[in-house]
PDB file of N, CA and C in Angstrom:
ATOM      1  N   MET A   1     -99.940-157.470-226.147  1.00  0.00           N
ATOM      2  CA  MET A   1     -98.772-157.542-225.058  1.00  0.00           C
ATOM      3  C   MET A   1     -97.658-159.338-226.034  1.00  0.00           C
ATOM      4  N   THR A   2     -96.477-158.781-226.345  1.00  0.00           N
ATOM      5  CA  THR A   2     -95.701-159.665-227.162  1.00  0.00           C
ATOM      6  C   THR A   2     -95.667-160.635-226.284  1.00  0.00           C
ATOM      7  N   SER A   3     -95.107-161.746-226.626  1.00  0.00           N
ATOM      8  CA  SER A   3     -94.838-162.931-225.829  1.00  0.00           C
ATOM      9  C   SER A   3     -93.570-162.783-224.908  1.00  0.00           C
ATOM     10  N   LYS A   4     -92.212-162.364-224.981  1.00  0.00           N
ATOM     11  CA  LYS A   4     -91.795-161.609-224.547  1.00  0.00           C
ATOM     12  C   LYS A   4     -92.269-160.876-223.264  1.00  0.00           C
ATOM     13  N   ALA A   5     -92.772-159.755-223.604  1.00  0.00           N
ATOM     14  CA  ALA A   5     -93.218-159.206-222.572  1.00  0.00           C
ATOM     15  C   ALA A   5     -94.227-160.085-221.500  1.00  0.00           C
ATOM     16  N   ALA A   6     -94.910-160.839-222.079  1.00  0.00           N
ATOM     17  CA  ALA A   6     -95.876-161.762-220.887  1.00  0.00           C
ATOM     18  C   ALA A   6     -95.021-162.598-220.562  1.00  0.00           C
ATOM     19  N   LYS A   7     -94.012-163.252-220.587  1.00  0.00           N
ATOM     20  CA  LYS A   7     -92.982-164.021-219.906  1.00  0.00           C
ATOM     21  C   LYS A   7     -92.562-163.427-219.100  1.00  0.00           C
ATOM     22  N   LYS A   8     -92.182-162.079-219.037  1.00  0.00           N
ATOM     23  CA  LYS A   8     -91.725-161.488-218.170  1.00  0.00           C
ATOM     24  C   LYS A   8     -92.197-161.145-216.975  1.00  0.00           C
ATOM     25  N   ASN A   9     -93.726-161.216-217.349  1.00  0.00           N
ATOM     26  CA  ASN A   9     -94.584-160.472-216.203  1.00  0.00           C
ATOM     27  C   ASN A   9     -94.946-161.427-215.699  1.00  0.00           C
ATOM     28  N   ALA A  10     -95.073-163.349-216.256  1.00  0.00           N
ATOM     29  CA  ALA A  10     -94.986-164.077-215.334  1.00  0.00           C
ATOM     30  C   ALA A  10     -94.193-164.301-214.493  1.00  0.00           C
ATOM     31  N   ASP A  11     -92.907-164.668-214.899  1.00  0.00           N
ATOM     32  CA  ASP A  11     -91.857-164.253-213.326  1.00  0.00           C
ATOM     33  C   ASP A  11     -92.031-163.360-212.205  1.00  0.00           C
ATOM     34  N   GLN A  12     -92.179-162.589-212.348  1.00  0.00           N
ATOM     35  CA  GLN A  12     -92.491-161.535-211.596  1.00  0.00           C
ATOM     36  C   GLN A  12     -93.508-161.806-210.410  1.00  0.00           C
ATOM     37  N   PRO A  13     -93.411-161.924-209.148  1.00  0.00           N
ATOM     38  CA  PRO A  13     -94.518-162.060-207.789  1.00  0.00           C
ATOM     39  C   PRO A  13     -95.346-161.051-208.440  1.00  0.00           C
ATOM     40  N   MET A  14     -96.870-161.474-207.926  1.00  0.00           N
ATOM     41  CA  MET A  14     -97.887-160.314-207.813  1.00  0.00           C
ATOM     42  C   MET A  14     -97.577-159.682-206.878  1.00  0.00           C
ATOM     43  N   GLY A  15     -98.143-158.244-207.052  1.00  0.00           N
ATOM     44  CA  GLY A  15     -98.388-157.298-205.857  1.00  0.00           C
ATOM     45  C   GLY A  15     -96.997-156.285-205.970  1.00  0.00           C
ATOM     46  N   ARG A  16     -96.307-155.471-205.028  1.00  0.00           N
ATOM     47  CA  ARG A  16     -95.791-154.389-205.398  1.00  0.00           C
ATOM     48  C   ARG A  16     -94.210-155.431-204.731  1.00  0.00           C
ATOM     49  N   THR A  17     -93.345-155.205-205.761  1.00  0.00           N
ATOM     50  CA  THR A  17     -92.257-155.908-204.973  1.00  0.00           C
ATOM     51  C   THR A  17     -90.612-154.736-204.747  1.00  0.00           C
ATOM     52  N   ASP A  18     -91.191-153.549-205.265  1.00  0.00           N
ATOM     53  CA  ASP A  18     -89.978-151.914-204.525  1.00  0.00           C
ATOM     54  C   ASP A  18     -90.777-152.083-203.629  1.00  0.00           C
ATOM     55  N   LYS A  19     -89.719-150.995-203.121  1.00  0.00           N
ATOM     56  CA  LYS A  19     -89.952-150.255-201.748  1.00  0.00           C
ATOM     57  C   LYS A  19     -90.086-149.021-201.809  1.00  0.00           C
ATOM     58  N   LEU A  20     -91.505-148.708-202.233  1.00  0.00           N
ATOM     59  CA  LEU A  20     -92.120-147.191-201.925  1.00  0.00           C
ATOM     60  C   LEU A  20     -92.217-147.151-200.985  1.00  0.00           C
ATOM     61  N   PRO A  21     -92.379-145.578-200.581  1.00  0.00           N
ATOM     62  CA  PRO A  21     -93.616-145.185-199.604  1.00  0.00           C
ATOM     63  C   PRO A  21     -94.684-145.583-199.587  1.00  0.00           C
ATOM     64  N   ILE A  22     -95.570-145.727-198.836  1.00  0.00           N
ATOM     65  CA  ILE A  22     -96.649-145.646-199.020  1.00  0.00           C
ATOM     66  C   ILE A  22     -97.577-144.695-197.946  1.00  0.00           C
ATOM     67  N   LYS A  23     -98.549-144.113-198.986  1.00  0.00           N
ATOM     68  CA  LYS A  23     -99.367-142.780-198.106  1.00  0.00           C
ATOM     69  C   LYS A  23    -100.777-142.947-198.068  1.00  0.00           C
ATOM     70  N   MET A  24    -101.485-143.191-196.930  1.00  0.00           N
ATOM     71  CA  MET A  24    -102.717-143.475-197.041  1.00  0.00           C
ATOM     72  C   MET A  24    -103.726-142.599-197.304  1.00  0.00           C
ATOM     73  N   LEU A  25    -104.824-142.879-198.768  1.00  0.00           N
ATOM     74  CA  LEU A  25    -105.790-141.619-198.886  1.00  0.00           C
ATOM     75  C   LEU A  25    -106.896-141.306-198.176  1.00  0.00           C
ATOM     76  N   GLN A  26    -107.549-139.761-198.309  1.00  0.00           N
ATOM     77  CA  GLN A  26    -108.921-139.684-197.187  1.00  0.00           C
ATOM     78  C   GLN A  26    -108.924-140.611-195.861  1.00  0.00           C
ATOM     79  N   ASP A  27    -110.224-141.370-195.802  1.00  0.00           N
ATOM     80  CA  ASP A  27    -110.608-141.132-194.671  1.00  0.00           C
ATOM     81  C   ASP A  27    -109.834-142.619-194.076  1.00  0.00           C
ATOM     82  N   ARG A  28    -108.799-143.621-194.463  1.00  0.00           N
ATOM     83  CA  ARG A  28    -108.040-144.859-194.706  1.00  0.00           C
ATOM     84  C   ARG A  28    -107.408-144.862-193.334  1.00  0.00           C
ATOM     85  N   LEU A  29    -107.486-146.119-192.885  1.00  0.00           N
ATOM     86  CA  LEU A  29    -106.432-146.237-191.710  1.00  0.00           C
ATOM     87  C   LEU A  29    -105.917-147.641-192.093  1.00  0.00           C
ATOM     88  N   LEU A  30    -104.386-147.494-192.115  1.00  0.00           N
ATOM     89  CA  LEU A  30    -103.781-148.940-192.246  1.00  0.00           C
ATOM     90  C   LEU A  30    -103.607-149.440-190.628  1.00  0.00           C
ATOM     91  N   VAL A  31    -104.080-150.704-190.303  1.00  0.00           N
ATOM     92  CA  VAL A  31    -104.136-150.976-188.644  1.00  0.00           C
ATOM     93  C   VAL A  31    -103.391-152.804-188.538  1.00  0.00           C
ATOM     94  N   GLN A  32    -103.050-153.115-187.862  1.00  0.00           N
ATOM     95  CA  GLN A  32    -101.860-154.145-187.438  1.00  0.00           C
ATOM     96  C   GLN A  32    -102.757-154.712-186.120  1.00  0.00           C
ATOM     97  N   LEU A  33    -103.189-156.092-186.641  1.00  0.00           N
ATOM     98  CA  LEU A  33    -103.771-156.785-186.025  1.00  0.00           C
ATOM     99  C   LEU A  33    -102.787-157.342-184.606  1.00  0.00           C
ATOM    100  N   ASP A  34    -103.382-157.400-183.634  1.00  0.00           N
ATOM    101  CA  ASP A  34    -102.205-158.245-182.294  1.00  0.00           C
ATOM    102  C   ASP A  34    -101.933-159.688-182.670  1.00  0.00           C
ATOM    103  N   ALA A  35    -100.996-159.861-182.884  1.00  0.00           N
ATOM    104  CA  ALA A  35    -100.021-161.334-183.043  1.00  0.00           C
ATOM    105  C   ALA A  35    -100.989-162.253-182.727  1.00  0.00           C
ATOM    106  N   ALA A  36    -101.220-162.012-180.893  1.00  0.00           N
ATOM    107  CA  ALA A  36    -102.173-163.180-180.280  1.00  0.00           C
ATOM    108  C   ALA A  36    -103.656-163.008-180.490  1.00  0.00           C
ATOM    109  N   GLU A  37    -104.242-162.211-181.653  1.00  0.00           N
ATOM    110  CA  GLU A  37    -105.057-162.818-182.222  1.00  0.00           C
ATOM    111  C   GLU A  37    -106.353-163.848-181.930  1.00  0.00           C
ATOM    112  N   GLY A  38    -105.417-164.616-182.416  1.00  0.00           N
ATOM    113  CA  GLY A  38    -106.194-166.380-182.580  1.00  0.00           C
ATOM    114  C   GLY A  38    -106.095-166.508-181.022  1.00  0.00           C
ATOM    115  N   GLU A  39    -105.584-167.797-180.535  1.00  0.00           N
ATOM    116  CA  GLU A  39    -106.065-167.714-178.946  1.00  0.00           C
ATOM    117  C   GLU A  39    -106.202-167.302-178.189  1.00  0.00           C
ATOM    118  N   ARG A  40    -106.898-167.203-177.333  1.00  0.00           N
ATOM    119  CA  ARG A  40    -106.726-166.035-176.309  1.00  0.00           C
ATOM    120  C   ARG A  40    -107.158-166.813-174.828  1.00  0.00           C
ATOM    121  N   ARG A  41    -106.998-166.281-173.563  1.00  0.00           N
ATOM    122  CA  ARG A  41    -107.131-166.904-172.477  1.00  0.00           C
ATOM    123  C   ARG A  41    -108.013-166.068-171.779  1.00  0.00           C
ATOM    124  N   SER A  42    -109.138-166.420-170.907  1.00  0.00           N
ATOM    125  CA  SER A  42    -110.184-166.194-169.985  1.00  0.00           C
ATOM    126  C   SER A  42    -109.648-165.750-169.117  1.00  0.00           C
ATOM    127  N   THR A  43    -110.522-164.713-168.059  1.00  0.00           N
ATOM    128  CA  THR A  43    -109.922-163.905-167.143  1.00  0.00           C
ATOM    129  C   THR A  43    -109.383-165.411-165.869  1.00  0.00           C
ATOM    130  N   GLY A  44    -110.512-166.267-166.307  1.00  0.00           N
ATOM    131  CA  GLY A  44    -109.425-167.094-165.326  1.00  0.00           C
ATOM    132  C   GLY A  44    -108.988-168.301-165.101  1.00  0.00           C
ATOM    133  N   GLY A  45    -108.274-168.130-166.788  1.00  0.00           N
ATOM    134  CA  GLY A  45    -107.146-168.790-167.142  1.00  0.00           C
ATOM    135  C   GLY A  45    -107.141-169.784-168.086  1.00  0.00           C
ATOM    136  N   ILE A  46    -108.464-169.750-168.806  1.00  0.00           N
ATOM    137  CA  ILE A  46    -108.775-171.348-169.457  1.00  0.00           C
ATOM    138  C   ILE A  46    -108.361-170.711-171.086  1.00  0.00           C
ATOM    139  N   LEU A  47    -107.616-171.523-171.500  1.00  0.00           N
ATOM    140  CA  LEU A  47    -107.103-171.185-173.252  1.00  0.00           C
ATOM    141  C   LEU A  47    -108.207-171.487-174.036  1.00  0.00           C
ATOM    142  N   ILE A  48    -108.881-170.414-174.734  1.00  0.00           N
ATOM    143  CA  ILE A  48    -109.606-170.241-175.390  1.00  0.00           C
ATOM    144  C   ILE A  48    -108.969-170.707-177.319  1.00  0.00           C
ATOM    145  N   PRO A  49    -109.165-172.093-178.025  1.00  0.00           N
ATOM    146  CA  PRO A  49    -108.640-171.680-178.954  1.00  0.00           C
ATOM    147  C   PRO A  49    -109.069-170.646-180.140  1.00  0.00           C
ATOM    148  N   ALA A  50    -108.328-170.064-181.630  1.00  0.00           N
ATOM    149  CA  ALA A  50    -108.658-169.438-181.997  1.00  0.00           C
ATOM    150  C   ALA A  50    -109.724-170.281-182.739  1.00  0.00           C
ATOM    151  N   THR A  51    -110.487-171.277-182.892  1.00  0.00           N
ATOM    152  CA  THR A  51    -111.253-172.094-184.005  1.00  0.00           C
ATOM    153  C   THR A  51    -112.707-172.202-182.708  1.00  0.00           C
ATOM    154  N   ALA A  52    -112.682-171.264-181.774  1.00  0.00           N
ATOM    155  CA  ALA A  52    -113.754-171.478-181.392  1.00  0.00           C
ATOM    156  C   ALA A  52    -114.796-170.398-181.577  1.00  0.00           C
ATOM    157  N   GLN A  53    -116.281-170.647-181.239  1.00  0.00           N
ATOM    158  CA  GLN A  53    -117.017-169.064-181.834  1.00  0.00           C
ATOM    159  C   GLN A  53    -117.773-168.735-180.865  1.00  0.00           C
ATOM    160  N   LEU A  54    -117.862-167.438-180.748  1.00  0.00           N
ATOM    161  CA  LEU A  54    -118.507-166.728-179.518  1.00  0.00           C
ATOM    162  C   LEU A  54    -119.115-165.918-180.288  1.00  0.00           C
ATOM    163  N   GLY A  55    -119.632-165.981-181.926  1.00  0.00           N
ATOM    164  CA  GLY A  55    -120.651-165.082-182.012  1.00  0.00           C
ATOM    165  C   GLY A  55    -120.127-164.214-182.934  1.00  0.00           C
ATOM    166  N   LYS A  56    -120.518-162.789-182.887  1.00  0.00           N
ATOM    167  CA  LYS A  56    -120.039-161.591-182.944  1.00  0.00           C
ATOM    168  C   LYS A  56    -118.979-161.057-182.379  1.00  0.00           C
ATOM    169  N   ARG A  57    -117.901-161.118-182.876  1.00  0.00           N
ATOM    170  CA  ARG A  57    -117.125-160.402-181.960  1.00  0.00           C
ATOM    171  C   ARG A  57    -116.000-159.238-182.557  1.00  0.00           C
ATOM    172  N   LEU A  58    -115.888-158.309-182.277  1.00  0.00           N
ATOM    173  CA  LEU A  58    -114.994-157.336-182.298  1.00  0.00           C
ATOM    174  C   LEU A  58    -113.263-157.622-181.575  1.00  0.00           C
ATOM    175  N   CYS A  59    -112.707-156.616-182.874  1.00  0.00           N
ATOM    176  CA  CYS A  59    -111.055-156.972-182.631  1.00  0.00           C
ATOM    177  C   CYS A  59    -110.242-155.812-182.150  1.00  0.00           C
ATOM    178  N   TRP A  60    -109.295-155.892-181.513  1.00  0.00           N
ATOM    179  CA  TRP A  60    -108.718-154.097-181.321  1.00  0.00           C
ATOM    180  C   TRP A  60    -107.453-154.424-182.540  1.00  0.00           C
ATOM    181  N   ALA A  61    -106.683-153.622-182.874  1.00  0.00           N
ATOM    182  CA  ALA A  61    -105.857-153.549-183.637  1.00  0.00           C
ATOM    183  C   ALA A  61    -105.006-152.115-183.111  1.00  0.00           C
ATOM    184  N   GLU A  62    -103.416-151.889-184.028  1.00  0.00           N
ATOM    185  CA  GLU A  62    -102.775-150.443-183.275  1.00  0.00           C
ATOM    186  C   GLU A  62    -102.699-150.067-184.638  1.00  0.00           C
ATOM    187  N   VAL A  63    -103.106-148.860-184.996  1.00  0.00           N
ATOM    188  CA  VAL A  63    -103.224-147.832-186.084  1.00  0.00           C
ATOM    189  C   VAL A  63    -101.464-147.286-186.638  1.00  0.00           C
ATOM    190  N   ARG A  64    -101.430-147.672-187.698  1.00  0.00           N
ATOM    191  CA  ARG A  64    -100.126-147.776-187.928  1.00  0.00           C
ATOM    192  C   ARG A  64    -100.092-146.411-189.153  1.00  0.00           C
ATOM    193  N   ALA A  65    -100.917-145.939-189.761  1.00  0.00           N
ATOM    194  CA  ALA A  65    -100.701-145.057-190.944  1.00  0.00           C
ATOM    195  C   ALA A  65    -102.399-144.245-190.494  1.00  0.00           C
ATOM    196  N   ALA A  66    -102.600-143.344-191.129  1.00  0.00           N
ATOM    197  CA  ALA A  66    -103.783-142.788-191.289  1.00  0.00           C
ATOM    198  C   ALA A  66    -103.738-141.504-192.809  1.00  0.00           C
ATOM    199  N   GLY A  67    -104.990-141.527-193.251  1.00  0.00           N
ATOM    200  CA  GLY A  67    -104.898-140.930-194.314  1.00  0.00           C
ATOM    201  C   GLY A  67    -105.413-139.045-193.595  1.00  0.00           C
ATOM    202  N   PRO A  68    -105.556-138.139-194.483  1.00  0.00           N
ATOM    203  CA  PRO A  68    -105.343-136.627-194.295  1.00  0.00           C
ATOM    204  C   PRO A  68    -106.821-136.303-194.087  1.00  0.00           C
ATOM    205  N   ALA A  69    -107.920-137.029-194.057  1.00  0.00           N
ATOM    206  CA  ALA A  69    -109.345-136.709-193.980  1.00  0.00           C
ATOM    207  C   ALA A  69    -109.467-137.392-192.361  1.00  0.00           C
ATOM    208  N   VAL A  70    -109.150-138.271-191.528  1.00  0.00           N
ATOM    209  CA  VAL A  70    -109.301-138.792-190.496  1.00  0.00           C
ATOM    210  C   VAL A  70    -109.056-137.306-189.471  1.00  0.00           C
ATOM    211  N   ARG A  71    -109.699-137.799-188.722  1.00  0.00           N
ATOM    212  CA  ARG A  71    -109.929-136.389-187.544  1.00  0.00           C
ATOM    213  C   ARG A  71    -109.817-136.557-186.248  1.00  0.00           C
ATOM    214  N   ASN A  72    -110.636-138.147-185.644  1.00  0.00           N
ATOM    215  CA  ASN A  72    -110.567-138.462-184.425  1.00  0.00           C
ATOM    216  C   ASN A  72    -109.419-139.606-183.903  1.00  0.00           C
ATOM    217  N   ILE A  73    -108.419-139.827-184.830  1.00  0.00           N
ATOM    218  CA  ILE A  73    -107.715-140.886-184.648  1.00  0.00           C
ATOM    219  C   ILE A  73    -105.939-140.918-184.887  1.00  0.00           C
ATOM    220  N   GLU A  74    -105.375-141.410-184.458  1.00  0.00           N
ATOM    221  CA  GLU A  74    -104.063-141.022-184.706  1.00  0.00           C
ATOM    222  C   GLU A  74    -103.421-142.108-185.090  1.00  0.00           C
ATOM    223  N   VAL A  75    -102.383-142.158-185.463  1.00  0.00           N
ATOM    224  CA  VAL A  75    -100.928-143.198-185.379  1.00  0.00           C
ATOM    225  C   VAL A  75    -100.636-143.534-184.012  1.00  0.00           C
ATOM    226  N   GLY A  76    -100.655-144.998-183.760  1.00  0.00           N
ATOM    227  CA  GLY A  76    -100.591-145.629-182.473  1.00  0.00           C
ATOM    228  C   GLY A  76    -101.915-145.927-181.388  1.00  0.00           C
ATOM    229  N   ASP A  77    -102.793-145.399-182.130  1.00  0.00           N
ATOM    230  CA  ASP A  77    -104.086-145.366-181.199  1.00  0.00           C
ATOM    231  C   ASP A  77    -104.434-146.673-181.188  1.00  0.00           C
ATOM    232  N   GLN A  78    -104.805-147.524-180.249  1.00  0.00           N
ATOM    233  CA  GLN A  78    -105.685-148.766-180.430  1.00  0.00           C
ATOM    234  C   GLN A  78    -107.353-148.794-180.719  1.00  0.00           C
ATOM    235  N   VAL A  79    -107.782-149.348-182.091  1.00  0.00           N
ATOM    236  CA  VAL A  79    -109.018-149.229-182.501  1.00  0.00           C
ATOM    237  C   VAL A  79    -109.879-150.302-182.196  1.00  0.00           C
ATOM    238  N   LEU A  80    -111.068-150.202-182.126  1.00  0.00           N
ATOM    239  CA  LEU A  80    -111.925-151.392-182.067  1.00  0.00           C
ATOM    240  C   LEU A  80    -112.899-151.547-183.328  1.00  0.00           C
ATOM    241  N   PHE A  81    -113.190-152.748-183.731  1.00  0.00           N
ATOM    242  CA  PHE A  81    -113.933-152.922-185.128  1.00  0.00           C
ATOM    243  C   PHE A  81    -114.282-154.251-185.345  1.00  0.00           C
ATOM    244  N   ASN A  82    -114.982-154.085-186.678  1.00  0.00           N
ATOM    245  CA  ASN A  82    -115.784-155.726-186.698  1.00  0.00           C
ATOM    246  C   ASN A  82    -114.842-156.147-188.139  1.00  0.00           C
ATOM    247  N   PRO A  83    -114.603-157.616-187.627  1.00  0.00           N
ATOM    248  CA  PRO A  83    -113.348-158.271-188.234  1.00  0.00           C
ATOM    249  C   PRO A  83    -114.560-159.002-189.233  1.00  0.00           C
ATOM    250  N   GLU A  84    -115.186-158.833-189.839  1.00  0.00           N
ATOM    251  CA  GLU A  84    -116.368-159.568-190.598  1.00  0.00           C
ATOM    252  C   GLU A  84    -115.804-159.139-192.227  1.00  0.00           C
ATOM    253  N   ASP A  85    -116.023-157.666-192.281  1.00  0.00           N
ATOM    254  CA  ASP A  85    -115.748-157.006-193.984  1.00  0.00           C
ATOM    255  C   ASP A  85    -114.148-156.718-194.146  1.00  0.00           C
ATOM    256  N   LEU A  86    -112.916-157.360-193.878  1.00  0.00           N
ATOM    257  CA  LEU A  86    -111.855-157.026-193.783  1.00  0.00           C
ATOM    258  C   LEU A  86    -111.053-156.670-194.973  1.00  0.00           C
ATOM    259  N   PHE A  87    -110.055-155.674-195.345  1.00  0.00           N
ATOM    260  CA  PHE A  87    -109.812-155.428-196.496  1.00  0.00           C
ATOM    261  C   PHE A  87    -108.543-156.020-196.508  1.00  0.00           C
ATOM    262  N   GLU A  88    -107.092-156.964-196.535  1.00  0.00           N
ATOM    263  CA  GLU A  88    -105.762-157.176-195.731  1.00  0.00           C
ATOM    264  C   GLU A  88    -105.070-156.886-197.089  1.00  0.00           C
ATOM    265  N   VAL A  89    -103.699-156.381-196.857  1.00  0.00           N
ATOM    266  CA  VAL A  89    -102.817-156.296-197.366  1.00  0.00           C
ATOM    267  C   VAL A  89    -101.189-156.607-196.797  1.00  0.00           C
ATOM    268  N   GLU A  90    -100.920-157.183-197.584  1.00  0.00           N
ATOM    269  CA  GLU A  90     -98.864-157.089-197.231  1.00  0.00           C
ATOM    270  C   GLU A  90     -98.171-156.334-197.642  1.00  0.00           C
ATOM    271  N   VAL A  91     -97.492-155.477-196.829  1.00  0.00           N
ATOM    272  CA  VAL A  91     -96.473-154.792-197.030  1.00  0.00           C
ATOM    273  C   VAL A  91     -95.067-155.344-196.153  1.00  0.00           C
ATOM    274  N   LYS A  92     -94.081-155.088-196.969  1.00  0.00           N
ATOM    275  CA  LYS A  92     -92.914-155.814-196.319  1.00  0.00           C
ATOM    276  C   LYS A  92     -93.410-156.979-195.706  1.00  0.00           C
ATOM    277  N   GLY A  93     -93.830-158.211-195.720  1.00  0.00           N
ATOM    278  CA  GLY A  93     -94.110-159.493-195.395  1.00  0.00           C
ATOM    279  C   GLY A  93     -94.829-159.294-193.940  1.00  0.00           C
ATOM    280  N   GLU A  94     -95.254-158.163-193.692  1.00  0.00           N
ATOM    281  CA  GLU A  94     -96.145-157.891-192.412  1.00  0.00           C
ATOM    282  C   GLU A  94     -97.333-157.847-193.530  1.00  0.00           C
ATOM    283  N   THR A  95     -98.957-158.715-192.406  1.00  0.00           N
ATOM    284  CA  THR A  95    -100.221-158.261-193.148  1.00  0.00           C
ATOM    285  C   THR A  95    -101.321-157.347-192.202  1.00  0.00           C
ATOM    286  N   PHE A  96    -101.815-156.641-192.959  1.00  0.00           N
ATOM    287  CA  PHE A  96    -102.489-155.168-192.405  1.00  0.00           C
ATOM    288  C   PHE A  96    -103.727-155.240-192.772  1.00  0.00           C
ATOM    289  N   VAL A  97    -104.058-154.661-192.080  1.00  0.00           N
ATOM    290  CA  VAL A  97    -105.999-154.546-192.469  1.00  0.00           C
ATOM    291  C   VAL A  97    -105.969-152.735-192.376  1.00  0.00           C
ATOM    292  N   ILE A  98    -106.803-152.622-193.974  1.00  0.00           N
ATOM    293  CA  ILE A  98    -107.087-151.202-194.177  1.00  0.00           C
ATOM    294  C   ILE A  98    -109.017-150.671-194.187  1.00  0.00           C
ATOM    295  N   LEU A  99    -109.186-150.025-193.443  1.00  0.00           N
ATOM    296  CA  LEU A  99    -110.623-149.577-192.731  1.00  0.00           C
ATOM    297  C   LEU A  99    -110.535-147.891-193.318  1.00  0.00           C
ATOM    298  N   ARG A 100    -111.743-148.008-192.624  1.00  0.00           N
ATOM    299  CA  ARG A 100    -112.757-146.757-193.426  1.00  0.00           C
ATOM    300  C   ARG A 100    -112.416-146.222-191.431  1.00  0.00           C
ATOM    301  N   GLU A 101    -112.803-144.261-191.721  1.00  0.00           N
ATOM    302  CA  GLU A 101    -112.816-144.419-189.770  1.00  0.00           C
ATOM    303  C   GLU A 101    -114.141-144.457-189.264  1.00  0.00           C
ATOM    304  N   ARG A 102    -115.131-144.708-190.129  1.00  0.00           N
ATOM    305  CA  ARG A 102    -116.590-144.721-189.670  1.00  0.00           C
ATOM    306  C   ARG A 102    -116.338-145.767-189.334  1.00  0.00           C
ATOM    307  N   ASP A 103    -115.744-146.615-190.000  1.00  0.00           N
ATOM    308  CA  ASP A 103    -115.782-148.180-189.718  1.00  0.00           C
ATOM    309  C   ASP A 103    -115.899-148.573-188.002  1.00  0.00           C
ATOM    310  N   VAL A 104    -114.667-147.735-187.267  1.00  0.00           N
ATOM    311  CA  VAL A 104    -114.086-148.111-185.763  1.00  0.00           C
ATOM    312  C   VAL A 104    -115.219-147.644-185.206  1.00  0.00           C
ATOM    313  N   SER A 105    -115.553-148.567-184.004  1.00  0.00           N
ATOM    314  CA  SER A 105    -116.677-148.456-182.857  1.00  0.00           C
ATOM    315  C   SER A 105    -115.765-147.873-181.821  1.00  0.00           C
ATOM    316  N   ALA A 106    -114.766-147.829-181.963  1.00  0.00           N
ATOM    317  CA  ALA A 106    -113.996-147.108-180.138  1.00  0.00           C
ATOM    318  C   ALA A 106    -112.753-146.744-180.449  1.00  0.00           C
ATOM    319  N   VAL A 107    -112.082-146.126-179.653  1.00  0.00           N
ATOM    320  CA  VAL A 107    -110.468-145.510-179.774  1.00  0.00           C
ATOM    321  C   VAL A 107    -110.017-145.865-178.859  1.00  0.00           C
ATOM    322  N   ALA A 108    -109.094-146.029-178.290  1.00  0.00           N
ATOM    323  CA  ALA A 108    -108.648-146.381-176.674  1.00  0.00           C
ATOM    324  C   ALA A 108    -107.125-145.362-176.712  1.00  0.00           C
ATOM    325  N   ALA A 109    -106.537-144.440-176.337  1.00  0.00           N
ATOM    326  CA  ALA A 109    -105.369-144.189-176.271  1.00  0.00           C
ATOM    327  C   ALA A 109    -105.112-143.172-175.100  1.00  0.00           C
ATOM    328  N   GLU A 110    -104.006-142.677-174.932  1.00  0.00           N
ATOM    329  CA  GLU A 110    -103.791-142.244-173.800  1.00  0.00           C
ATOM    330  C   GLU A 110    -103.999-140.529-173.512  1.00  0.00           C
ATOM    331  N   ARG A 111    -103.828-140.233-174.755  1.00  0.00           N
ATOM    332  CA  ARG A 111    -103.965-138.796-175.068  1.00  0.00           C
ATOM    333  C   ARG A 111    -105.762-138.403-174.777  1.00  0.00           C
ATOM    334  N   LEU A 112    -106.884-139.588-174.962  1.00  0.00           N
ATOM    335  CA  LEU A 112    -108.084-139.201-174.656  1.00  0.00           C
ATOM    336  C   LEU A 112    -108.333-138.311-173.190  1.00  0.00           C
ATOM    337  N   GLU A 113    -109.476-137.812-173.443  1.00  0.00           N
ATOM    338  CA  GLU A 113    -109.532-136.939-171.655  1.00  0.00           C
ATOM    339  C   GLU A 113    -110.201-138.263-170.964  1.00  0.00           C
ATOM    340  N   ILE A 114    -109.925-138.075-169.392  1.00  0.00           N
ATOM    341  CA  ILE A 114    -110.696-139.351-169.036  1.00  0.00           C
ATOM    342  C   ILE A 114    -111.784-139.173-168.720  1.00  0.00           C
ATOM    343  N   GLY A 115    -112.684-137.943-168.681  1.00  0.00           N
ATOM    344  CA  GLY A 115    -114.143-138.166-168.819  1.00  0.00           C
ATOM    345  C   GLY A 115    -114.691-138.279-170.280  1.00  0.00           C
ATOM    346  N   SER A 116    -114.075-138.623-171.294  1.00  0.00           N
ATOM    347  CA  SER A 116    -114.545-138.712-172.318  1.00  0.00           C
ATOM    348  C   SER A 116    -115.765-140.061-172.992  1.00  0.00           C
ATOM    349  N   THR A 117    -115.287-141.562-172.280  1.00  0.00           N
ATOM    350  CA  THR A 117    -115.800-142.419-172.577  1.00  0.00           C
ATOM    351  C   THR A 117    -116.475-142.957-171.609  1.00  0.00           C
ATOM    352  N   GLY A 118    -116.300-142.616-170.227  1.00  0.00           N
ATOM    353  CA  GLY A 118    -116.814-143.003-169.145  1.00  0.00           C
ATOM    354  C   GLY A 118    -116.532-144.834-168.834  1.00  0.00           C
ATOM    355  N   LEU A 119    -115.364-145.065-169.633  1.00  0.00           N
ATOM    356  CA  LEU A 119    -114.757-146.713-169.256  1.00  0.00           C
ATOM    357  C   LEU A 119    -113.238-146.425-169.789  1.00  0.00           C
ATOM    358  N   TYR A 120    -112.968-147.230-168.153  1.00  0.00           N
ATOM    359  CA  TYR A 120    -111.259-147.627-168.874  1.00  0.00           C
ATOM    360  C   TYR A 120    -110.833-148.879-169.311  1.00  0.00           C
ATOM    361  N   LEU A 121    -110.190-148.918-170.435  1.00  0.00           N
ATOM    362  CA  LEU A 121    -109.860-150.343-171.265  1.00  0.00           C
ATOM    363  C   LEU A 121    -108.624-150.102-171.277  1.00  0.00           C
TER     364      LEU A 121
END
């Protein structure tokens, strides 16, 4: 690599800077965590800070994009997953998480049949 090319690459920020469309591949999902994922309120109204440890806690997120091999989840669904092993990506200044369909524990959507889960979320 020439010194001119090295200097040009050093001046550019890392990651994608152009505005290309994104297509998810295989069984991948692009989800966005709720903005209020940090602090939360208990049912009694007590404010629980984001630093409080509650053991292993699953997270809800909204599906923004899905790959062609995803079968049971659609864009707009709410999914429940384990946040321990996250792969985060920043797209247009927003942070998203990439998951596989098999890493999703539950789906909440109005299109689901009423008797399919036995629960109302």
